[in-house]
């Protein structure tokens, strides 16, 4: 049984991959996909917004959504290259 934890960079990459695939998502969808509690997902998304990897917006009904930014797509591309170089 592996007890290794995901690093922050891998969590960022997983969320960015999800958002780039579906376009936009609510906090609960992202938390479910990333397999983390809502409160931790909120903190991670805040950090990702601080770094400019994702953007937040409200739709016409007032629901908050998140989407991948251009910088987030660049991050994801670099992450994938690093994974290939490291053989993972």
N, C-alpha and C. Protein backbone atom coordinates (compact mmCIF):
# COMPACT_ATOMS: atom_id res chain seq x y z
N UNK A 1 0.85 -1.19 0.00
CA UNK A 1 0.00 0.00 0.00
C UNK A 1 0.89 1.24 0.00
N UNK A 2 0.65 2.11 -0.94
CA UNK A 2 1.45 3.32 -1.07
C UNK A 2 0.91 4.40 -0.14
N UNK A 3 1.80 5.02 0.60
CA UNK A 3 1.39 6.10 1.51
C UNK A 3 1.86 7.45 0.99
N UNK A 4 2.32 7.50 -0.24
CA UNK A 4 2.81 8.77 -0.79
C UNK A 4 1.66 9.74 -1.00
N UNK A 5 1.95 10.98 -0.74
CA UNK A 5 0.96 12.04 -0.94
C UNK A 5 1.23 12.74 -2.26
N UNK A 6 0.18 13.32 -2.80
CA UNK A 6 0.35 14.12 -4.02
C UNK A 6 0.99 15.44 -3.64
N UNK A 7 1.93 15.88 -4.45
CA UNK A 7 2.53 17.19 -4.21
C UNK A 7 1.57 18.27 -4.73
N UNK A 8 1.79 19.46 -4.29
CA UNK A 8 0.95 20.60 -4.68
C UNK A 8 0.93 20.77 -6.20
N UNK A 9 2.08 20.56 -6.83
CA UNK A 9 2.17 20.74 -8.27
C UNK A 9 1.31 19.73 -9.03
N UNK A 10 1.27 18.51 -8.52
CA UNK A 10 0.45 17.48 -9.16
C UNK A 10 -1.04 17.80 -8.99
N UNK A 11 -1.41 18.28 -7.82
CA UNK A 11 -2.81 18.68 -7.59
C UNK A 11 -3.19 19.82 -8.54
N UNK A 12 -2.31 20.82 -8.66
CA UNK A 12 -2.56 21.92 -9.59
C UNK A 12 -2.77 21.36 -11.00
N UNK A 13 -1.87 20.47 -11.43
CA UNK A 13 -1.94 19.92 -12.78
C UNK A 13 -3.23 19.14 -12.99
N UNK A 14 -3.65 18.36 -12.01
CA UNK A 14 -4.90 17.60 -12.13
C UNK A 14 -6.10 18.53 -12.29
N UNK A 15 -6.13 19.58 -11.48
CA UNK A 15 -7.24 20.54 -11.55
C UNK A 15 -7.22 21.28 -12.89
N UNK A 16 -6.05 21.70 -13.33
CA UNK A 16 -5.94 22.41 -14.61
C UNK A 16 -6.33 21.51 -15.78
N UNK A 17 -5.95 20.25 -15.72
CA UNK A 17 -6.33 19.31 -16.76
C UNK A 17 -7.85 19.17 -16.82
N UNK A 18 -8.47 19.05 -15.66
CA UNK A 18 -9.93 18.94 -15.57
C UNK A 18 -10.61 20.19 -16.14
N UNK A 19 -10.14 21.36 -15.70
CA UNK A 19 -10.76 22.61 -16.16
C UNK A 19 -10.53 22.84 -17.66
N UNK A 20 -9.37 22.46 -18.16
CA UNK A 20 -9.11 22.66 -19.59
C UNK A 20 -9.95 21.71 -20.44
N UNK A 21 -10.34 20.58 -19.85
CA UNK A 21 -11.15 19.61 -20.58
C UNK A 21 -12.62 20.01 -20.62
N UNK A 22 -13.16 20.42 -19.46
CA UNK A 22 -14.60 20.70 -19.42
C UNK A 22 -14.95 22.18 -19.60
N UNK A 23 -13.98 23.06 -19.51
CA UNK A 23 -14.23 24.49 -19.75
C UNK A 23 -14.42 25.29 -18.49
N UNK A 24 -15.43 24.95 -17.69
CA UNK A 24 -15.67 25.66 -16.44
C UNK A 24 -16.25 24.68 -15.44
N UNK A 25 -16.06 24.96 -14.15
CA UNK A 25 -16.56 24.06 -13.11
C UNK A 25 -16.79 24.81 -11.81
N UNK A 26 -17.72 24.30 -11.02
CA UNK A 26 -17.97 24.83 -9.69
C UNK A 26 -16.99 24.21 -8.71
N UNK A 27 -16.86 24.84 -7.56
CA UNK A 27 -15.97 24.39 -6.51
C UNK A 27 -16.25 22.93 -6.15
N UNK A 28 -17.50 22.57 -5.98
CA UNK A 28 -17.84 21.20 -5.57
C UNK A 28 -17.43 20.18 -6.62
N UNK A 29 -17.56 20.53 -7.89
CA UNK A 29 -17.16 19.60 -8.96
C UNK A 29 -15.65 19.38 -8.91
N UNK A 30 -14.91 20.47 -8.73
CA UNK A 30 -13.45 20.39 -8.70
C UNK A 30 -13.00 19.58 -7.48
N UNK A 31 -13.60 19.84 -6.34
CA UNK A 31 -13.24 19.11 -5.12
C UNK A 31 -13.50 17.61 -5.30
N UNK A 32 -14.61 17.28 -5.89
CA UNK A 32 -14.94 15.87 -6.14
C UNK A 32 -13.94 15.24 -7.09
N UNK A 33 -13.63 15.92 -8.18
CA UNK A 33 -12.68 15.39 -9.16
C UNK A 33 -11.29 15.21 -8.55
N UNK A 34 -10.85 16.19 -7.76
CA UNK A 34 -9.51 16.16 -7.18
C UNK A 34 -9.45 15.31 -5.90
N UNK A 35 -10.61 14.78 -5.49
CA UNK A 35 -10.69 13.92 -4.31
C UNK A 35 -10.14 14.62 -3.06
N UNK A 36 -10.69 15.80 -2.80
CA UNK A 36 -10.28 16.53 -1.61
C UNK A 36 -11.50 17.22 -1.00
N UNK A 37 -11.45 17.50 0.31
CA UNK A 37 -12.57 18.19 0.95
C UNK A 37 -12.75 19.60 0.39
N UNK A 38 -13.97 20.09 0.49
CA UNK A 38 -14.32 21.41 -0.04
C UNK A 38 -13.43 22.51 0.54
N UNK A 39 -13.19 22.47 1.84
CA UNK A 39 -12.40 23.55 2.46
C UNK A 39 -10.97 23.55 1.93
N UNK A 40 -10.39 22.38 1.73
CA UNK A 40 -9.03 22.32 1.18
C UNK A 40 -9.03 22.75 -0.29
N UNK A 41 -10.05 22.32 -1.04
CA UNK A 41 -10.15 22.71 -2.45
C UNK A 41 -10.26 24.23 -2.57
N UNK A 42 -11.00 24.85 -1.68
CA UNK A 42 -11.15 26.32 -1.70
C UNK A 42 -9.79 26.99 -1.49
N UNK A 43 -8.97 26.46 -0.59
CA UNK A 43 -7.64 27.02 -0.34
C UNK A 43 -6.75 26.84 -1.56
N UNK A 44 -6.77 25.63 -2.15
CA UNK A 44 -5.95 25.36 -3.33
C UNK A 44 -6.37 26.26 -4.50
N UNK A 45 -7.67 26.42 -4.71
CA UNK A 45 -8.14 27.28 -5.80
C UNK A 45 -7.74 28.73 -5.56
N UNK A 46 -7.78 29.17 -4.31
CA UNK A 46 -7.33 30.52 -3.98
C UNK A 46 -5.86 30.72 -4.32
N UNK A 47 -5.07 29.72 -4.01
CA UNK A 47 -3.64 29.80 -4.33
C UNK A 47 -3.44 29.81 -5.85
N UNK A 48 -4.19 28.98 -6.55
CA UNK A 48 -4.08 28.93 -8.01
C UNK A 48 -4.50 30.26 -8.64
N UNK A 49 -5.51 30.91 -8.05
CA UNK A 49 -5.93 32.23 -8.55
C UNK A 49 -4.84 33.26 -8.29
N UNK A 50 -4.19 33.18 -7.12
CA UNK A 50 -3.11 34.09 -6.77
C UNK A 50 -1.99 34.01 -7.80
N UNK A 51 -1.66 32.79 -8.25
CA UNK A 51 -0.61 32.59 -9.24
C UNK A 51 -1.09 32.81 -10.67
N UNK A 52 -2.36 33.10 -10.86
CA UNK A 52 -2.89 33.38 -12.19
C UNK A 52 -3.13 32.14 -13.03
N UNK A 53 -3.25 30.97 -12.39
CA UNK A 53 -3.44 29.72 -13.13
C UNK A 53 -4.90 29.49 -13.50
N UNK A 54 -5.80 30.03 -12.70
CA UNK A 54 -7.23 29.91 -12.98
C UNK A 54 -7.90 31.26 -12.80
N UNK A 55 -9.11 31.36 -13.32
CA UNK A 55 -9.92 32.57 -13.17
C UNK A 55 -11.27 32.17 -12.60
N UNK A 56 -11.86 33.08 -11.86
CA UNK A 56 -13.16 32.85 -11.26
C UNK A 56 -14.15 33.86 -11.84
N UNK A 57 -15.38 33.40 -12.04
CA UNK A 57 -16.42 34.30 -12.54
C UNK A 57 -17.79 33.79 -12.11
N UNK A 58 -18.77 34.69 -12.17
CA UNK A 58 -20.15 34.32 -11.86
C UNK A 58 -20.96 34.32 -13.13
N UNK A 59 -21.84 33.32 -13.27
CA UNK A 59 -22.72 33.30 -14.44
C UNK A 59 -23.93 34.19 -14.15
N UNK A 60 -24.88 34.22 -15.07
CA UNK A 60 -26.03 35.11 -14.93
C UNK A 60 -26.91 34.77 -13.73
N UNK A 61 -26.85 33.51 -13.24
CA UNK A 61 -27.65 33.13 -12.07
C UNK A 61 -26.92 33.40 -10.75
N UNK A 62 -25.68 33.87 -10.84
CA UNK A 62 -24.91 34.18 -9.63
C UNK A 62 -24.06 33.03 -9.12
N UNK A 63 -24.02 31.92 -9.85
CA UNK A 63 -23.18 30.78 -9.45
C UNK A 63 -21.72 31.06 -9.79
N UNK A 64 -20.82 30.71 -8.88
CA UNK A 64 -19.39 30.92 -9.10
C UNK A 64 -18.80 29.73 -9.84
N UNK A 65 -18.04 30.03 -10.89
CA UNK A 65 -17.37 29.02 -11.69
C UNK A 65 -15.89 29.36 -11.77
N UNK A 66 -15.09 28.35 -12.09
CA UNK A 66 -13.66 28.52 -12.28
C UNK A 66 -13.29 28.00 -13.65
N UNK A 67 -12.32 28.66 -14.28
CA UNK A 67 -11.83 28.19 -15.58
C UNK A 67 -10.33 28.34 -15.63
N UNK A 68 -9.71 27.60 -16.52
CA UNK A 68 -8.27 27.61 -16.69
C UNK A 68 -7.87 28.88 -17.45
N UNK A 69 -6.83 29.55 -16.98
CA UNK A 69 -6.33 30.75 -17.66
C UNK A 69 -5.26 30.36 -18.68
N UNK A 70 -4.81 31.32 -19.45
CA UNK A 70 -3.72 31.06 -20.41
C UNK A 70 -2.46 30.62 -19.66
N UNK A 71 -2.20 31.28 -18.56
CA UNK A 71 -1.03 30.91 -17.76
C UNK A 71 -1.19 29.49 -17.22
N UNK A 72 -2.41 29.12 -16.87
CA UNK A 72 -2.68 27.76 -16.40
C UNK A 72 -2.42 26.73 -17.47
N UNK A 73 -2.77 27.05 -18.71
CA UNK A 73 -2.50 26.14 -19.83
C UNK A 73 -1.00 25.97 -20.04
N UNK A 74 -0.25 27.07 -19.89
CA UNK A 74 1.20 27.00 -20.00
C UNK A 74 1.78 26.12 -18.89
N UNK A 75 1.29 26.29 -17.67
CA UNK A 75 1.73 25.48 -16.54
C UNK A 75 1.50 24.00 -16.84
N UNK A 76 0.30 23.69 -17.33
CA UNK A 76 -0.05 22.31 -17.63
C UNK A 76 0.86 21.72 -18.71
N UNK A 77 1.16 22.51 -19.72
CA UNK A 77 2.06 22.05 -20.78
C UNK A 77 3.46 21.74 -20.22
N UNK A 78 3.98 22.63 -19.36
CA UNK A 78 5.29 22.40 -18.75
C UNK A 78 5.27 21.18 -17.82
N UNK A 79 4.18 21.02 -17.08
CA UNK A 79 4.04 19.87 -16.19
C UNK A 79 4.11 18.57 -16.99
N UNK A 80 3.40 18.53 -18.09
CA UNK A 80 3.41 17.32 -18.93
C UNK A 80 4.80 17.02 -19.49
N UNK A 81 5.51 18.07 -19.89
CA UNK A 81 6.88 17.89 -20.39
C UNK A 81 7.79 17.34 -19.29
N UNK A 82 7.65 17.87 -18.09
CA UNK A 82 8.46 17.39 -16.97
C UNK A 82 8.16 15.92 -16.66
N UNK A 83 6.90 15.54 -16.76
CA UNK A 83 6.54 14.15 -16.51
C UNK A 83 7.16 13.22 -17.54
N UNK A 84 7.18 13.66 -18.78
CA UNK A 84 7.82 12.87 -19.83
C UNK A 84 9.33 12.75 -19.60
N UNK A 85 9.95 13.86 -19.24
CA UNK A 85 11.40 13.85 -18.99
C UNK A 85 11.78 12.99 -17.80
N UNK A 86 10.93 12.96 -16.80
CA UNK A 86 11.24 12.19 -15.60
C UNK A 86 10.80 10.73 -15.70
N UNK A 87 10.15 10.39 -16.80
CA UNK A 87 9.71 9.02 -17.02
C UNK A 87 8.51 8.58 -16.23
N UNK A 88 7.66 9.52 -15.84
CA UNK A 88 6.45 9.18 -15.07
C UNK A 88 5.22 9.16 -15.93
